C-alpha atoms as a PDB file:
ATOM      1  CA  MET A   1      92.226 -46.144-166.665  1.00  0.00           C
ATOM      2  CA  GLY A   2      89.519 -43.644-165.678  1.00  0.00           C
ATOM      3  CA  SER A   3      91.856 -40.772-166.542  1.00  0.00           C
ATOM      4  CA  ASP A   4      92.581 -42.256-169.970  1.00  0.00           C
ATOM      5  CA  TYR A   5      88.861 -42.662-170.610  1.00  0.00           C
ATOM      6  CA  ARG A   6      88.177 -39.024-169.620  1.00  0.00           C
ATOM      7  CA  ASN A   7      91.009 -37.785-171.839  1.00  0.00           C
ATOM      8  CA  GLU A   8      89.695 -39.825-174.753  1.00  0.00           C
ATOM      9  CA  CYS A   9      86.165 -38.506-174.204  1.00  0.00           C
ATOM     10  CA  GLN A  10      87.472 -34.931-174.084  1.00  0.00           C
ATOM     11  CA  LEU A  11      89.469 -35.500-177.254  1.00  0.00           C
ATOM     12  CA  ASN A  12      86.409 -36.938-178.998  1.00  0.00           C
ATOM     13  CA  ALA A  13      84.326 -33.960-177.843  1.00  0.00           C
ATOM     14  CA  HIS A  14      86.928 -31.538-179.220  1.00  0.00           C
ATOM     15  CA  LEU A  15      87.085 -33.429-182.516  1.00  0.00           C
ATOM     16  CA  CYS A  16      83.301 -33.362-182.779  1.00  0.00           C
ATOM     17  CA  THR A  17      83.267 -29.601-182.134  1.00  0.00           C
ATOM     18  CA  LEU A  18      85.983 -29.083-184.736  1.00  0.00           C
ATOM     19  CA  MET A  19      84.092 -31.123-187.333  1.00  0.00           C
ATOM     20  CA  CYS A  20      80.906 -29.140-186.657  1.00  0.00           C
ATOM     21  CA  CYS A  21      82.837 -25.882-187.150  1.00  0.00           C
ATOM     22  CA  LEU A  22      84.328 -27.138-190.413  1.00  0.00           C
ATOM     23  CA  ASP A  23      80.896 -28.223-191.656  1.00  0.00           C
ATOM     24  CA  GLU A  24      79.478 -24.805-190.754  1.00  0.00           C
ATOM     25  CA  ARG A  25      82.345 -23.060-192.555  1.00  0.00           C
ATOM     26  CA  ASP A  26      81.734 -25.142-195.686  1.00  0.00           C
ATOM     27  CA  ARG A  27      77.994 -24.415-195.504  1.00  0.00           C
ATOM     28  CA  VAL A  28      78.589 -20.664-195.236  1.00  0.00           C
ATOM     29  CA  GLN A  29      81.147 -20.729-198.069  1.00  0.00           C
ATOM     30  CA  LYS A  30      78.781 -22.692-200.287  1.00  0.00           C
ATOM     31  CA  LYS A  31      75.949 -20.247-199.619  1.00  0.00           C
ATOM     32  CA  THR A  32      78.148 -17.185-200.144  1.00  0.00           C
ATOM     33  CA  PHE A  33      79.804 -18.525-203.293  1.00  0.00           C
ATOM     34  CA  THR A  34      76.421 -19.558-204.730  1.00  0.00           C
ATOM     35  CA  LYS A  35      75.167 -15.989-204.257  1.00  0.00           C
ATOM     36  CA  TRP A  36      78.312 -14.597-205.856  1.00  0.00           C
ATOM     37  CA  VAL A  37      77.926 -16.901-208.871  1.00  0.00           C
ATOM     38  CA  ASN A  38      74.236 -15.981-209.218  1.00  0.00           C
ATOM     39  CA  LYS A  39      75.083 -12.268-209.008  1.00  0.00           C
ATOM     40  CA  HIS A  40      77.003 -12.746-212.259  1.00  0.00           C
ATOM     41  CA  LEU A  41      74.866 -15.420-213.942  1.00  0.00           C
ATOM     42  CA  ILE A  42      71.788 -13.205-213.682  1.00  0.00           C
ATOM     43  CA  LYS A  43      73.363 -11.127-216.463  1.00  0.00           C
ATOM     44  CA  VAL A  44      72.752 -14.054-218.834  1.00  0.00           C
ATOM     45  CA  ARG A  45      69.432 -15.048-217.227  1.00  0.00           C
ATOM     46  CA  LYS A  46      70.805 -18.097-215.470  1.00  0.00           C
ATOM     47  CA  HIS A  47      70.548 -19.163-211.838  1.00  0.00           C
ATOM     48  CA  ILE A  48      71.979 -21.988-209.759  1.00  0.00           C
ATOM     49  CA  THR A  49      70.537 -23.446-206.571  1.00  0.00           C
ATOM     50  CA  ASP A  50      73.210 -25.978-205.607  1.00  0.00           C
ATOM     51  CA  LEU A  51      76.813 -24.967-206.263  1.00  0.00           C
ATOM     52  CA  TYR A  52      78.093 -28.545-206.310  1.00  0.00           C
ATOM     53  CA  GLU A  53      75.364 -29.947-208.563  1.00  0.00           C
ATOM     54  CA  ASP A  54      74.794 -27.051-210.922  1.00  0.00           C
ATOM     55  CA  LEU A  55      78.420 -26.716-212.043  1.00  0.00           C
ATOM     56  CA  ARG A  56      78.871 -30.419-212.809  1.00  0.00           C
ATOM     57  CA  ASP A  57      78.025 -30.294-216.521  1.00  0.00           C
ATOM     58  CA  GLY A  58      80.281 -27.283-217.103  1.00  0.00           C
ATOM     59  CA  HIS A  59      77.621 -25.120-218.781  1.00  0.00           C
ATOM     60  CA  ASN A  60      77.086 -22.765-215.837  1.00  0.00           C
ATOM     61  CA  LEU A  61      80.820 -22.645-215.203  1.00  0.00           C
ATOM     62  CA  ILE A  62      81.463 -21.639-218.817  1.00  0.00           C
ATOM     63  CA  SER A  63      78.646 -19.068-218.639  1.00  0.00           C
ATOM     64  CA  LEU A  64      80.162 -17.601-215.466  1.00  0.00           C
ATOM     65  CA  LEU A  65      83.571 -17.273-217.108  1.00  0.00           C
ATOM     66  CA  GLU A  66      82.006 -15.707-220.205  1.00  0.00           C
ATOM     67  CA  VAL A  67      80.249 -13.083-218.079  1.00  0.00           C
ATOM     68  CA  LEU A  68      83.360 -12.342-216.030  1.00  0.00           C
ATOM     69  CA  SER A  69      85.756 -12.185-218.979  1.00  0.00           C
ATOM     70  CA  GLY A  70      83.600 -10.983-221.858  1.00  0.00           C
ATOM     71  CA  VAL A  71      84.976 -13.851-223.972  1.00  0.00           C
ATOM     72  CA  THR A  72      82.729 -16.412-225.688  1.00  0.00           C
ATOM     73  CA  LEU A  73      83.852 -19.981-225.052  1.00  0.00           C
ATOM     74  CA  PRO A  74      82.995 -23.155-226.972  1.00  0.00           C
ATOM     75  CA  ARG A  75      80.951 -25.843-225.261  1.00  0.00           C
ATOM     76  CA  GLU A  76      79.800 -29.390-225.816  1.00  0.00           C
ATOM     77  CA  LYS A  77      76.052 -29.808-226.216  1.00  0.00           C
ATOM     78  CA  GLY A  78      75.711 -33.481-225.287  1.00  0.00           C
ATOM     79  CA  ARG A  79      74.607 -34.867-221.933  1.00  0.00           C
ATOM     80  CA  MET A  80      76.991 -37.774-221.540  1.00  0.00           C
ATOM     81  CA  ARG A  81      79.745 -37.771-218.923  1.00  0.00           C
ATOM     82  CA  PHE A  82      82.310 -37.216-221.660  1.00  0.00           C
ATOM     83  CA  HIS A  83      80.560 -33.973-222.677  1.00  0.00           C
ATOM     84  CA  ARG A  84      80.350 -32.764-219.063  1.00  0.00           C
ATOM     85  CA  LEU A  85      84.046 -33.514-218.522  1.00  0.00           C
ATOM     86  CA  GLN A  86      84.915 -31.710-221.748  1.00  0.00           C
ATOM     87  CA  ASN A  87      82.927 -28.600-220.769  1.00  0.00           C
ATOM     88  CA  VAL A  88      84.605 -28.395-217.374  1.00  0.00           C
ATOM     89  CA  GLN A  89      87.974 -28.888-219.087  1.00  0.00           C
ATOM     90  CA  ILE A  90      87.205 -25.989-221.439  1.00  0.00           C
ATOM     91  CA  ALA A  91      86.630 -23.793-218.377  1.00  0.00           C
ATOM     92  CA  LEU A  92      89.788 -25.016-216.622  1.00  0.00           C
ATOM     93  CA  ASP A  93      91.894 -24.528-219.766  1.00  0.00           C
ATOM     94  CA  PHE A  94      90.535 -20.997-220.154  1.00  0.00           C
ATOM     95  CA  LEU A  95      91.557 -20.191-216.585  1.00  0.00           C
ATOM     96  CA  LYS A  96      95.027 -21.665-217.131  1.00  0.00           C
ATOM     97  CA  GLN A  97      95.450 -19.555-220.298  1.00  0.00           C
ATOM     98  CA  ARG A  98      94.764 -16.499-218.145  1.00  0.00           C
ATOM     99  CA  GLN A  99      97.505 -17.587-215.708  1.00  0.00           C
ATOM    100  CA  VAL A 100      95.011 -18.565-212.998  1.00  0.00           C
ATOM    101  CA  LYS A 101      96.753 -21.054-210.748  1.00  0.00           C
ATOM    102  CA  LEU A 102      94.660 -24.199-210.287  1.00  0.00           C
ATOM    103  CA  VAL A 103      96.120 -26.491-207.664  1.00  0.00           C
ATOM    104  CA  ASN A 104      94.946 -30.125-207.782  1.00  0.00           C
ATOM    105  CA  ILE A 105      91.626 -29.296-209.475  1.00  0.00           C
ATOM    106  CA  ARG A 106      90.748 -31.632-212.332  1.00  0.00           C
ATOM    107  CA  ASN A 107      87.702 -31.751-214.564  1.00  0.00           C
ATOM    108  CA  ASP A 108      86.420 -34.961-212.953  1.00  0.00           C
ATOM    109  CA  ASP A 109      86.546 -33.334-209.495  1.00  0.00           C
ATOM    110  CA  ILE A 110      84.025 -30.713-210.585  1.00  0.00           C
ATOM    111  CA  THR A 111      81.992 -33.140-212.718  1.00  0.00           C
ATOM    112  CA  ASP A 112      81.734 -35.482-209.723  1.00  0.00           C
ATOM    113  CA  GLY A 113      80.594 -32.594-207.507  1.00  0.00           C
ATOM    114  CA  ASN A 114      83.553 -32.692-205.094  1.00  0.00           C
ATOM    115  CA  PRO A 115      82.599 -30.056-202.479  1.00  0.00           C
ATOM    116  CA  LYS A 116      86.102 -29.007-201.369  1.00  0.00           C
ATOM    117  CA  LEU A 117      87.490 -28.685-204.879  1.00  0.00           C
ATOM    118  CA  THR A 118      84.371 -26.946-206.205  1.00  0.00           C
ATOM    119  CA  LEU A 119      84.663 -24.393-203.393  1.00  0.00           C
ATOM    120  CA  GLY A 120      88.366 -24.086-204.174  1.00  0.00           C
ATOM    121  CA  LEU A 121      87.688 -23.471-207.856  1.00  0.00           C
ATOM    122  CA  ILE A 122      85.086 -20.790-207.201  1.00  0.00           C
ATOM    123  CA  TRP A 123      87.353 -19.132-204.617  1.00  0.00           C
ATOM    124  CA  THR A 124      90.156 -19.083-207.197  1.00  0.00           C
ATOM    125  CA  ILE A 125      87.805 -17.509-209.752  1.00  0.00           C
ATOM    126  CA  ILE A 126      86.717 -14.906-207.189  1.00  0.00           C
ATOM    127  CA  LEU A 127      90.328 -14.061-206.407  1.00  0.00           C
ATOM    128  CA  HIS A 128      91.158 -13.647-210.078  1.00  0.00           C
ATOM    129  CA  PHE A 129      88.092 -11.783-211.307  1.00  0.00           C
ATOM    130  CA  GLN A 130      86.802  -9.982-208.219  1.00  0.00           C
ATOM    131  CA  VAL A 131      89.651  -9.254-205.825  1.00  0.00           C
ATOM    132  CA  CYS A 132      92.234  -8.637-208.553  1.00  0.00           C
ATOM    133  CA  THR A 133      90.350  -5.847-210.266  1.00  0.00           C
ATOM    134  CA  PRO A 134      92.349  -2.782-211.339  1.00  0.00           C
ATOM    135  CA  HIS A 135      91.300  -0.669-208.340  1.00  0.00           C
ATOM    136  CA  THR A 136      92.503  -3.317-205.876  1.00  0.00           C
ATOM    137  CA  LEU A 137      95.820  -4.073-207.568  1.00  0.00           C
ATOM    138  CA  THR A 138      97.481  -1.269-205.642  1.00  0.00           C
ATOM    139  CA  CYS A 139      96.081  -2.643-202.397  1.00  0.00           C
ATOM    140  CA  SER A 140      97.398  -5.645-200.614  1.00  0.00           C
ATOM    141  CA  PHE A 141      95.757  -9.009-201.111  1.00  0.00           C
ATOM    142  CA  TRP A 142      94.262  -8.856-197.619  1.00  0.00           C
ATOM    143  CA  LEU A 143      92.749  -5.439-198.114  1.00  0.00           C
ATOM    144  CA  GLY A 144      91.116  -6.685-201.295  1.00  0.00           C
ATOM    145  CA  PHE A 145      89.954  -9.786-199.458  1.00  0.00           C
ATOM    146  CA  LEU A 146      88.463  -7.713-196.641  1.00  0.00           C
ATOM    147  CA  CYS A 147      86.650  -5.474-199.130  1.00  0.00           C
ATOM    148  CA  TRP A 148      85.273  -8.506-200.917  1.00  0.00           C
ATOM    149  CA  THR A 149      84.222 -10.141-197.624  1.00  0.00           C
ATOM    150  CA  ARG A 150      82.393  -6.998-196.522  1.00  0.00           C
ATOM    151  CA  LEU A 151      80.600  -6.883-199.865  1.00  0.00           C
ATOM    152  CA  MET A 152      79.610 -10.553-199.639  1.00  0.00           C
ATOM    153  CA  VAL A 153      78.339 -10.262-196.056  1.00  0.00           C
ATOM    154  CA  THR A 154      75.593  -7.991-197.338  1.00  0.00           C
ATOM    155  CA  TYR A 155      74.424 -10.834-199.613  1.00  0.00           C
ATOM    156  CA  VAL A 156      74.364 -13.527-196.884  1.00  0.00           C
END
């Protein structure tokens, strides 16, 4: 029984370490992605402080896509949940029209501030608009990723 208890304690310690690492990874991604978003939003005199909160109404997300694409998008002006959902949907539909693959990301995920899916959405946007620029198309995905990572490390 003592051996089982030790094994269980070791397993719990490993799980705790793993969870701490995952939390740290999410924290670093959130910080890095927030800086990347702000690097582009500054062009339209906007700024976000919390990636999960500040994208929920869709306005900053639409503004980001407008800056990145040069296309003006419609947006709902109201403050009700329906308007927030509609604005996020406008952004998601725009990405789909540009053949950006969105896997399991719905408008309510972003409107509800889901951390994992918000990070996933921003990462997808980065891949499409930053890594897949004309000068990196001849490079492999990983080379583009490494270049982008090096660039972002200077902002962290």
